[in-house]
Amino acid sequence: MPTDLKKPLTEQQKIKALTRAERRRLRRSTPKYRSLHASRERIRVEAFNKAFQQVRELLPIKTVYNNGKNVQTKQQRKMSKIETLHSAIEYLRYLEFMLIN
């Protein structure tokens, strides 16, 4: 009577048997992948922060308001990202007003 013994699967065969999502998850869990991903993320955040700093430098010195209270000026502390965006919008509206009138 012939016995049908199955050979154990090789690593490559095991990986091939996984679904696409499982293979992606396995690949992303490696230390090399995580290290490269973290490195790319640091570069992205650095570029993002540099762009915000460039916008801050282009904005005229203005008073920063916190809940309607005059807190500090741009020279005294760095504006937060949301303050920078609000100030940039306000400044662009001012420039638009000056062009129209």
C-alpha atoms as a PDB file:
ATOM      1  CA  MET A   1       0.000   0.000   0.000  1.00  0.00           C
ATOM      2  CA  PRO A   2       1.597   3.260  -1.102  1.00  0.00           C
ATOM      3  CA  THR A   3       1.734   5.899   1.545  1.00  0.00           C
ATOM      4  CA  ASP A   4       1.192   9.476   0.525  1.00  0.00           C
ATOM      5  CA  LEU A   5       3.603  11.275   2.802  1.00  0.00           C
ATOM      6  CA  LYS A   6       3.677  15.008   2.317  1.00  0.00           C
ATOM      7  CA  LYS A   7       7.026  16.663   2.392  1.00  0.00           C
ATOM      8  CA  PRO A   8       7.309  19.599   4.745  1.00  0.00           C
ATOM      9  CA  LEU A   9       6.939  22.918   2.971  1.00  0.00           C
ATOM     10  CA  THR A  10      10.027  25.008   2.368  1.00  0.00           C
ATOM     11  CA  GLU A  11      10.149  28.628   3.560  1.00  0.00           C
ATOM     12  CA  GLN A  12       9.556  29.834   0.012  1.00  0.00           C
ATOM     13  CA  GLN A  13       6.512  27.588  -0.385  1.00  0.00           C
ATOM     14  CA  LYS A  14       5.129  28.790   2.941  1.00  0.00           C
ATOM     15  CA  ILE A  15       5.498  32.407   1.858  1.00  0.00           C
ATOM     16  CA  LYS A  16       3.876  31.668  -1.526  1.00  0.00           C
ATOM     17  CA  ALA A  17       0.896  30.124   0.271  1.00  0.00           C
ATOM     18  CA  LEU A  18       0.212  33.355   2.168  1.00  0.00           C
ATOM     19  CA  THR A  19      -2.272  35.899   0.889  1.00  0.00           C
ATOM     20  CA  ARG A  20      -0.988  39.125  -0.567  1.00  0.00           C
ATOM     21  CA  ALA A  21      -1.908  41.061   2.589  1.00  0.00           C
ATOM     22  CA  GLU A  22      -0.159  38.490   4.783  1.00  0.00           C
ATOM     23  CA  ARG A  23       3.006  38.683   2.660  1.00  0.00           C
ATOM     24  CA  ARG A  24       2.931  42.491   2.872  1.00  0.00           C
ATOM     25  CA  ARG A  25       2.474  42.357   6.657  1.00  0.00           C
ATOM     26  CA  LEU A  26       5.348  39.867   6.965  1.00  0.00           C
ATOM     27  CA  ARG A  27       7.625  42.034   4.808  1.00  0.00           C
ATOM     28  CA  ARG A  28       6.764  45.204   6.752  1.00  0.00           C
ATOM     29  CA  SER A  29       7.534  43.600  10.077  1.00  0.00           C
ATOM     30  CA  THR A  30      11.218  43.092   9.310  1.00  0.00           C
ATOM     31  CA  PRO A  31      13.731  45.293  11.170  1.00  0.00           C
ATOM     32  CA  LYS A  32      15.252  46.453   7.870  1.00  0.00           C
ATOM     33  CA  TYR A  33      11.878  47.636   6.553  1.00  0.00           C
ATOM     34  CA  ARG A  34      10.986  49.387   9.829  1.00  0.00           C
ATOM     35  CA  SER A  35      14.360  51.138   9.906  1.00  0.00           C
ATOM     36  CA  LEU A  36      14.014  52.363   6.312  1.00  0.00           C
ATOM     37  CA  HIS A  37      10.431  53.457   6.935  1.00  0.00           C
ATOM     38  CA  ALA A  38      11.447  55.402  10.053  1.00  0.00           C
ATOM     39  CA  SER A  39      14.257  57.059   8.121  1.00  0.00           C
ATOM     40  CA  ARG A  40      11.907  58.130   5.305  1.00  0.00           C
ATOM     41  CA  GLU A  41       9.406  59.440   7.860  1.00  0.00           C
ATOM     42  CA  ARG A  42      12.096  61.541   9.587  1.00  0.00           C
ATOM     43  CA  ILE A  43      13.075  63.065   6.232  1.00  0.00           C
ATOM     44  CA  ARG A  44       9.403  63.794   5.421  1.00  0.00           C
ATOM     45  CA  VAL A  45       8.757  65.456   8.792  1.00  0.00           C
ATOM     46  CA  GLU A  46      11.973  67.469   8.495  1.00  0.00           C
ATOM     47  CA  ALA A  47      10.914  68.772   5.054  1.00  0.00           C
ATOM     48  CA  PHE A  48       7.421  69.550   6.381  1.00  0.00           C
ATOM     49  CA  ASN A  49       8.830  71.526   9.330  1.00  0.00           C
ATOM     50  CA  LYS A  50      11.290  73.349   7.058  1.00  0.00           C
ATOM     51  CA  ALA A  51       8.399  74.430   4.806  1.00  0.00           C
ATOM     52  CA  PHE A  52       6.477  75.772   7.812  1.00  0.00           C
ATOM     53  CA  GLN A  53       9.564  77.680   8.943  1.00  0.00           C
ATOM     54  CA  GLN A  54       9.868  79.261   5.489  1.00  0.00           C
ATOM     55  CA  VAL A  55       6.228  80.365   5.665  1.00  0.00           C
ATOM     56  CA  ARG A  56       6.807  81.827   9.160  1.00  0.00           C
ATOM     57  CA  GLU A  57       9.754  83.831   7.848  1.00  0.00           C
ATOM     58  CA  LEU A  58       7.653  85.268   5.006  1.00  0.00           C
ATOM     59  CA  LEU A  59       4.846  86.432   7.275  1.00  0.00           C
ATOM     60  CA  PRO A  60       5.082  89.928   8.726  1.00  0.00           C
ATOM     61  CA  ILE A  61       5.635  90.155  12.469  1.00  0.00           C
ATOM     62  CA  LYS A  62       2.247  89.982  14.089  1.00  0.00           C
ATOM     63  CA  THR A  63       0.713  89.487  17.472  1.00  0.00           C
ATOM     64  CA  VAL A  64      -0.299  85.947  18.311  1.00  0.00           C
ATOM     65  CA  TYR A  65      -3.720  85.664  19.899  1.00  0.00           C
ATOM     66  CA  ASN A  66      -4.795  82.908  22.253  1.00  0.00           C
ATOM     67  CA  ASN A  67      -8.535  82.889  22.963  1.00  0.00           C
ATOM     68  CA  GLY A  68      -8.746  86.572  22.105  1.00  0.00           C
ATOM     69  CA  LYS A  69      -5.921  87.559  24.460  1.00  0.00           C
ATOM     70  CA  ASN A  70      -2.762  89.196  23.173  1.00  0.00           C
ATOM     71  CA  VAL A  71      -0.095  86.669  24.194  1.00  0.00           C
ATOM     72  CA  GLN A  72       3.249  87.212  22.447  1.00  0.00           C
ATOM     73  CA  THR A  73       4.667  88.273  19.120  1.00  0.00           C
ATOM     74  CA  LYS A  74       6.348  86.104  16.524  1.00  0.00           C
ATOM     75  CA  GLN A  75       9.726  87.415  17.659  1.00  0.00           C
ATOM     76  CA  GLN A  76       9.198  86.189  21.217  1.00  0.00           C
ATOM     77  CA  ARG A  77       8.189  82.612  20.391  1.00  0.00           C
ATOM     78  CA  LYS A  78       7.761  80.419  17.362  1.00  0.00           C
ATOM     79  CA  MET A  79       4.181  80.252  16.089  1.00  0.00           C
ATOM     80  CA  SER A  80       2.588  76.820  16.115  1.00  0.00           C
ATOM     81  CA  LYS A  81       1.702  75.212  12.803  1.00  0.00           C
ATOM     82  CA  ILE A  82      -1.978  76.084  13.173  1.00  0.00           C
ATOM     83  CA  GLU A  83      -1.119  79.681  14.109  1.00  0.00           C
ATOM     84  CA  THR A  84       1.153  79.836  11.061  1.00  0.00           C
ATOM     85  CA  LEU A  85      -1.649  78.615   8.795  1.00  0.00           C
ATOM     86  CA  HIS A  86      -4.168  81.069  10.265  1.00  0.00           C
ATOM     87  CA  SER A  87      -1.680  83.932   9.956  1.00  0.00           C
ATOM     88  CA  ALA A  88      -0.859  83.003   6.358  1.00  0.00           C
ATOM     89  CA  ILE A  89      -4.565  82.935   5.457  1.00  0.00           C
ATOM     90  CA  GLU A  90      -5.116  86.265   7.175  1.00  0.00           C
ATOM     91  CA  TYR A  91      -2.115  87.807   5.406  1.00  0.00           C
ATOM     92  CA  LEU A  92      -3.225  86.509   1.996  1.00  0.00           C
ATOM     93  CA  ARG A  93      -6.694  87.980   2.557  1.00  0.00           C
ATOM     94  CA  TYR A  94      -5.084  91.302   3.496  1.00  0.00           C
ATOM     95  CA  LEU A  95      -2.964  91.268   0.322  1.00  0.00           C
ATOM     96  CA  GLU A  96      -6.027  90.407  -1.762  1.00  0.00           C
ATOM     97  CA  PHE A  97      -7.924  93.300  -0.155  1.00  0.00           C
ATOM     98  CA  MET A  98      -5.028  95.666  -0.944  1.00  0.00           C
ATOM     99  CA  LEU A  99      -5.012  94.562  -4.590  1.00  0.00           C
ATOM    100  CA  ILE A 100      -8.761  94.997  -5.020  1.00  0.00           C
ATOM    101  CA  ASN A 101      -8.969  98.413  -3.357  1.00  0.00           C
END
